């Protein structure tokens, strides 16, 4: 499989800080789709801030 470049460019999340690699795995047709919007409460605001740190400005959290 390596001879066929299988996995070329793949970033294994556990090799990165906080176990997160900002890779896109969705098909082009939906790759910019936001599937979750944190609500307006204390816990979800914490989650919003965490997602903002991970994805920067990609999803405008």
PDB file of N, CA and C in Angstrom:
ATOM      1  N   UNK A   1       0.817  -1.184   0.000  1.00  0.00           N
ATOM      2  CA  UNK A   1       0.000   0.000   0.000  1.00  0.00           C
ATOM      3  C   UNK A   1       0.875   1.268   0.000  1.00  0.00           C
ATOM      4  N   UNK A   2       1.986   1.238   0.718  1.00  0.00           N
ATOM      5  CA  UNK A   2       2.866   2.407   0.715  1.00  0.00           C
ATOM      6  C   UNK A   2       3.359   2.728  -0.685  1.00  0.00           C
ATOM      7  N   UNK A   3       3.579   1.675  -1.481  1.00  0.00           N
ATOM      8  CA  UNK A   3       4.027   1.872  -2.865  1.00  0.00           C
ATOM      9  C   UNK A   3       2.993   2.633  -3.687  1.00  0.00           C
ATOM     10  N   UNK A   4       1.736   2.574  -3.256  1.00  0.00           N
ATOM     11  CA  UNK A   4       0.649   3.265  -3.951  1.00  0.00           C
ATOM     12  C   UNK A   4       0.341   4.620  -3.318  1.00  0.00           C
ATOM     13  N   UNK A   5       1.204   5.055  -2.392  1.00  0.00           N
ATOM     14  CA  UNK A   5       1.034   6.309  -1.649  1.00  0.00           C
ATOM     15  C   UNK A   5      -0.210   6.318  -0.768  1.00  0.00           C
ATOM     16  N   UNK A   6      -0.668   5.124  -0.383  1.00  0.00           N
ATOM     17  CA  UNK A   6      -1.813   5.040   0.508  1.00  0.00           C
ATOM     18  C   UNK A   6      -1.486   5.738   1.830  1.00  0.00           C
ATOM     19  N   UNK A   7      -2.323   6.664   2.241  1.00  0.00           N
ATOM     20  CA  UNK A   7      -2.120   7.393   3.485  1.00  0.00           C
ATOM     21  C   UNK A   7      -1.141   8.552   3.373  1.00  0.00           C
ATOM     22  N   UNK A   8      -0.685   8.856   2.182  1.00  0.00           N
ATOM     23  CA  UNK A   8       0.278   9.947   1.995  1.00  0.00           C
ATOM     24  C   UNK A   8      -0.345  11.269   2.460  1.00  0.00           C
ATOM     25  N   UNK A   9       0.365  11.971   3.294  1.00  0.00           N
ATOM     26  CA  UNK A   9      -0.108  13.249   3.806  1.00  0.00           C
ATOM     27  C   UNK A   9      -1.027  13.144   5.012  1.00  0.00           C
ATOM     28  N   UNK A  10      -1.373  11.914   5.405  1.00  0.00           N
ATOM     29  CA  UNK A  10      -2.242  11.732   6.559  1.00  0.00           C
ATOM     30  C   UNK A  10      -1.532  12.187   7.824  1.00  0.00           C
ATOM     31  N   UNK A  11      -2.257  12.919   8.650  1.00  0.00           N
ATOM     32  CA  UNK A  11      -1.708  13.388   9.921  1.00  0.00           C
ATOM     33  C   UNK A  11      -2.408  12.636  11.045  1.00  0.00           C
ATOM     34  N   UNK A  12      -1.684  11.800  11.723  1.00  0.00           N
ATOM     35  CA  UNK A  12      -2.231  11.015  12.820  1.00  0.00           C
ATOM     36  C   UNK A  12      -2.435  11.926  14.022  1.00  0.00           C
ATOM     37  N   UNK A  13      -3.676  12.097  14.435  1.00  0.00           N
ATOM     38  CA  UNK A  13      -4.020  13.060  15.484  1.00  0.00           C
ATOM     39  C   UNK A  13      -3.210  12.868  16.768  1.00  0.00           C
ATOM     40  N   UNK A  14      -2.919  11.639  17.125  1.00  0.00           N
ATOM     41  CA  UNK A  14      -2.210  11.381  18.381  1.00  0.00           C
ATOM     42  C   UNK A  14      -0.743  11.806  18.338  1.00  0.00           C
ATOM     43  N   UNK A  15      -0.268  12.194  17.168  1.00  0.00           N
ATOM     44  CA  UNK A  15       1.088  12.726  17.056  1.00  0.00           C
ATOM     45  C   UNK A  15       1.140  14.233  17.292  1.00  0.00           C
ATOM     46  N   UNK A  16      -0.011  14.845  17.504  1.00  0.00           N
ATOM     47  CA  UNK A  16      -0.091  16.297  17.638  1.00  0.00           C
ATOM     48  C   UNK A  16      -0.538  16.711  19.031  1.00  0.00           C
ATOM     49  N   UNK A  17      -0.234  17.938  19.355  1.00  0.00           N
ATOM     50  CA  UNK A  17      -0.634  18.504  20.654  1.00  0.00           C
ATOM     51  C   UNK A  17      -2.151  18.417  20.797  1.00  0.00           C
ATOM     52  N   UNK A  18      -2.603  18.057  21.953  1.00  0.00           N
ATOM     53  CA  UNK A  18      -4.024  17.887  22.264  1.00  0.00           C
ATOM     54  C   UNK A  18      -4.719  16.853  21.382  1.00  0.00           C
ATOM     55  N   UNK A  19      -3.927  15.986  20.738  1.00  0.00           N
ATOM     56  CA  UNK A  19      -4.470  14.911  19.896  1.00  0.00           C
ATOM     57  C   UNK A  19      -5.413  15.431  18.815  1.00  0.00           C
ATOM     58  N   UNK A  20      -5.016  16.515  18.174  1.00  0.00           N
ATOM     59  CA  UNK A  20      -5.855  17.126  17.147  1.00  0.00           C
ATOM     60  C   UNK A  20      -5.025  17.502  15.928  1.00  0.00           C
ATOM     61  N   UNK A  21      -5.449  17.032  14.777  1.00  0.00           N
ATOM     62  CA  UNK A  21      -4.838  17.413  13.505  1.00  0.00           C
ATOM     63  C   UNK A  21      -5.942  18.034  12.658  1.00  0.00           C
ATOM     64  N   UNK A  22      -5.749  19.243  12.237  1.00  0.00           N
ATOM     65  CA  UNK A  22      -6.783  19.974  11.483  1.00  0.00           C
ATOM     66  C   UNK A  22      -6.824  19.495  10.035  1.00  0.00           C
ATOM     67  N   UNK A  23      -7.315  18.285   9.855  1.00  0.00           N
ATOM     68  CA  UNK A  23      -7.426  17.713   8.509  1.00  0.00           C
ATOM     69  C   UNK A  23      -8.897  17.660   8.108  1.00  0.00           C
ATOM     70  N   UNK A  24      -9.133  17.772   6.833  1.00  0.00           N
ATOM     71  CA  UNK A  24     -10.491  17.696   6.303  1.00  0.00           C
ATOM     72  C   UNK A  24     -10.699  16.322   5.685  1.00  0.00           C
ATOM     73  N   UNK A  25     -11.706  15.607   6.133  1.00  0.00           N
ATOM     74  CA  UNK A  25     -11.988  14.277   5.627  1.00  0.00           C
ATOM     75  C   UNK A  25     -13.306  14.200   4.866  1.00  0.00           C
ATOM     76  N   UNK A  26     -14.068  15.268   4.883  1.00  0.00           N
ATOM     77  CA  UNK A  26     -15.371  15.258   4.220  1.00  0.00           C
ATOM     78  C   UNK A  26     -15.222  15.455   2.712  1.00  0.00           C
ATOM     79  N   UNK A  27     -16.187  14.986   1.956  1.00  0.00           N
ATOM     80  CA  UNK A  27     -16.157  15.214   0.507  1.00  0.00           C
ATOM     81  C   UNK A  27     -16.215  16.709   0.201  1.00  0.00           C
ATOM     82  N   UNK A  28     -15.668  17.116  -0.920  1.00  0.00           N
ATOM     83  CA  UNK A  28     -15.631  18.525  -1.299  1.00  0.00           C
ATOM     84  C   UNK A  28     -16.997  19.196  -1.234  1.00  0.00           C
ATOM     85  N   UNK A  29     -18.037  18.482  -1.592  1.00  0.00           N
ATOM     86  CA  UNK A  29     -19.385  19.059  -1.635  1.00  0.00           C
ATOM     87  C   UNK A  29     -19.879  19.538  -0.270  1.00  0.00           C
ATOM     88  N   UNK A  30     -19.362  18.973   0.819  1.00  0.00           N
ATOM     89  CA  UNK A  30     -19.840  19.362   2.155  1.00  0.00           C
ATOM     90  C   UNK A  30     -18.712  19.733   3.103  1.00  0.00           C
ATOM     91  N   UNK A  31     -17.512  19.899   2.615  1.00  0.00           N
ATOM     92  CA  UNK A  31     -16.371  20.077   3.514  1.00  0.00           C
ATOM     93  C   UNK A  31     -16.414  21.360   4.343  1.00  0.00           C
ATOM     94  N   UNK A  32     -17.125  22.368   3.936  1.00  0.00           N
ATOM     95  CA  UNK A  32     -17.222  23.607   4.721  1.00  0.00           C
ATOM     96  C   UNK A  32     -18.504  23.667   5.557  1.00  0.00           C
ATOM     97  N   UNK A  33     -19.263  22.583   5.611  1.00  0.00           N
ATOM     98  CA  UNK A  33     -20.527  22.558   6.331  1.00  0.00           C
ATOM     99  C   UNK A  33     -20.285  22.489   7.836  1.00  0.00           C
ATOM    100  N   UNK A  34     -20.970  23.356   8.570  1.00  0.00           N
ATOM    101  CA  UNK A  34     -20.894  23.321  10.031  1.00  0.00           C
ATOM    102  C   UNK A  34     -22.043  22.450  10.525  1.00  0.00           C
ATOM    103  N   UNK A  35     -21.725  21.375  11.218  1.00  0.00           N
ATOM    104  CA  UNK A  35     -22.730  20.428  11.674  1.00  0.00           C
ATOM    105  C   UNK A  35     -23.164  20.676  13.116  1.00  0.00           C
ATOM    106  N   UNK A  36     -22.475  21.550  13.802  1.00  0.00           N
ATOM    107  CA  UNK A  36     -22.802  21.809  15.208  1.00  0.00           C
ATOM    108  C   UNK A  36     -22.554  23.269  15.529  1.00  0.00           C
ATOM    109  N   UNK A  37     -23.503  23.883  16.213  1.00  0.00           N
ATOM    110  CA  UNK A  37     -23.367  25.261  16.695  1.00  0.00           C
ATOM    111  C   UNK A  37     -23.627  25.237  18.196  1.00  0.00           C
ATOM    112  N   UNK A  38     -22.605  25.528  19.014  1.00  0.00           N
ATOM    113  CA  UNK A  38     -22.805  25.521  20.465  1.00  0.00           C
ATOM    114  C   UNK A  38     -23.881  26.520  20.878  1.00  0.00           C
ATOM    115  N   UNK A  39     -24.661  26.132  21.872  1.00  0.00           N
ATOM    116  CA  UNK A  39     -25.725  26.982  22.378  1.00  0.00           C
ATOM    117  C   UNK A  39     -25.197  28.122  23.238  1.00  0.00           C
ATOM    118  N   UNK A  40     -26.112  28.899  23.767  1.00  0.00           N
ATOM    119  CA  UNK A  40     -25.769  30.075  24.580  1.00  0.00           C
ATOM    120  C   UNK A  40     -25.925  29.750  26.068  1.00  0.00           C
ATOM    121  N   UNK A  41     -25.086  28.858  26.552  1.00  0.00           N
ATOM    122  CA  UNK A  41     -25.044  28.567  27.982  1.00  0.00           C
ATOM    123  C   UNK A  41     -23.585  28.369  28.377  1.00  0.00           C
ATOM    124  N   UNK A  42     -23.325  28.345  29.646  1.00  0.00           N
ATOM    125  CA  UNK A  42     -21.954  28.315  30.145  1.00  0.00           C
ATOM    126  C   UNK A  42     -21.137  27.156  29.588  1.00  0.00           C
ATOM    127  N   UNK A  43     -21.667  25.962  29.659  1.00  0.00           N
ATOM    128  CA  UNK A  43     -20.918  24.782  29.212  1.00  0.00           C
ATOM    129  C   UNK A  43     -20.635  24.826  27.711  1.00  0.00           C
ATOM    130  N   UNK A  44     -21.632  25.222  26.944  1.00  0.00           N
ATOM    131  CA  UNK A  44     -21.434  25.239  25.500  1.00  0.00           C
ATOM    132  C   UNK A  44     -20.574  26.422  25.057  1.00  0.00           C
ATOM    133  N   UNK A  45     -20.536  27.480  25.829  1.00  0.00           N
ATOM    134  CA  UNK A  45     -19.600  28.573  25.530  1.00  0.00           C
ATOM    135  C   UNK A  45     -18.164  28.093  25.720  1.00  0.00           C
ATOM    136  N   UNK A  46     -17.945  27.256  26.738  1.00  0.00           N
ATOM    137  CA  UNK A  46     -16.620  26.655  26.922  1.00  0.00           C
ATOM    138  C   UNK A  46     -16.260  25.815  25.711  1.00  0.00           C
ATOM    139  N   UNK A  47     -17.216  25.038  25.236  1.00  0.00           N
ATOM    140  CA  UNK A  47     -16.994  24.204  24.056  1.00  0.00           C
ATOM    141  C   UNK A  47     -16.738  25.076  22.822  1.00  0.00           C
ATOM    142  N   UNK A  48     -17.486  26.170  22.680  1.00  0.00           N
ATOM    143  CA  UNK A  48     -17.282  27.096  21.563  1.00  0.00           C
ATOM    144  C   UNK A  48     -15.845  27.628  21.573  1.00  0.00           C
ATOM    145  N   UNK A  49     -15.355  28.014  22.722  1.00  0.00           N
ATOM    146  CA  UNK A  49     -13.990  28.526  22.832  1.00  0.00           C
ATOM    147  C   UNK A  49     -12.957  27.451  22.480  1.00  0.00           C
ATOM    148  N   UNK A  50     -13.224  26.232  22.893  1.00  0.00           N
ATOM    149  CA  UNK A  50     -12.331  25.117  22.564  1.00  0.00           C
ATOM    150  C   UNK A  50     -12.312  24.876  21.053  1.00  0.00           C
ATOM    151  N   UNK A  51     -13.471  24.836  20.441  1.00  0.00           N
ATOM    152  CA  UNK A  51     -13.557  24.631  18.990  1.00  0.00           C
ATOM    153  C   UNK A  51     -12.905  25.776  18.229  1.00  0.00           C
ATOM    154  N   UNK A  52     -13.057  26.976  18.751  1.00  0.00           N
ATOM    155  CA  UNK A  52     -12.436  28.142  18.114  1.00  0.00           C
ATOM    156  C   UNK A  52     -10.916  28.008  18.128  1.00  0.00           C
ATOM    157  N   UNK A  53     -10.365  27.506  19.233  1.00  0.00           N
ATOM    158  CA  UNK A  53      -8.914  27.295  19.307  1.00  0.00           C
ATOM    159  C   UNK A  53      -8.458  26.223  18.315  1.00  0.00           C
ATOM    160  N   UNK A  54      -9.264  25.175  18.170  1.00  0.00           N
ATOM    161  CA  UNK A  54      -8.894  24.089  17.270  1.00  0.00           C
ATOM    162  C   UNK A  54      -9.005  24.491  15.809  1.00  0.00           C
ATOM    163  N   UNK A  55     -10.122  25.058  15.436  1.00  0.00           N
ATOM    164  CA  UNK A  55     -10.399  25.326  14.028  1.00  0.00           C
ATOM    165  C   UNK A  55     -10.129  26.759  13.612  1.00  0.00           C
ATOM    166  N   UNK A  56      -9.659  27.583  14.534  1.00  0.00           N
ATOM    167  CA  UNK A  56      -9.367  28.979  14.242  1.00  0.00           C
ATOM    168  C   UNK A  56     -10.608  29.637  13.655  1.00  0.00           C
ATOM    169  N   UNK A  57     -10.541  30.126  12.437  1.00  0.00           N
ATOM    170  CA  UNK A  57     -11.670  30.844  11.851  1.00  0.00           C
ATOM    171  C   UNK A  57     -12.433  30.025  10.807  1.00  0.00           C
ATOM    172  N   UNK A  58     -12.120  28.751  10.691  1.00  0.00           N
ATOM    173  CA  UNK A  58     -12.733  27.937   9.649  1.00  0.00           C
ATOM    174  C   UNK A  58     -14.264  27.917   9.731  1.00  0.00           C
ATOM    175  N   UNK A  59     -14.797  27.720  10.930  1.00  0.00           N
ATOM    176  CA  UNK A  59     -16.244  27.610  11.083  1.00  0.00           C
ATOM    177  C   UNK A  59     -16.861  28.827  11.780  1.00  0.00           C
ATOM    178  N   UNK A  60     -16.078  29.854  12.005  1.00  0.00           N
ATOM    179  CA  UNK A  60     -16.570  31.093  12.645  1.00  0.00           C
ATOM    180  C   UNK A  60     -17.264  30.855  13.989  1.00  0.00           C
ATOM    181  N   UNK A  61     -16.651  30.022  14.822  1.00  0.00           N
ATOM    182  CA  UNK A  61     -17.177  29.864  16.172  1.00  0.00           C
ATOM    183  C   UNK A  61     -16.859  31.120  16.922  1.00  0.00           C
TER     184      UNK A  61
END
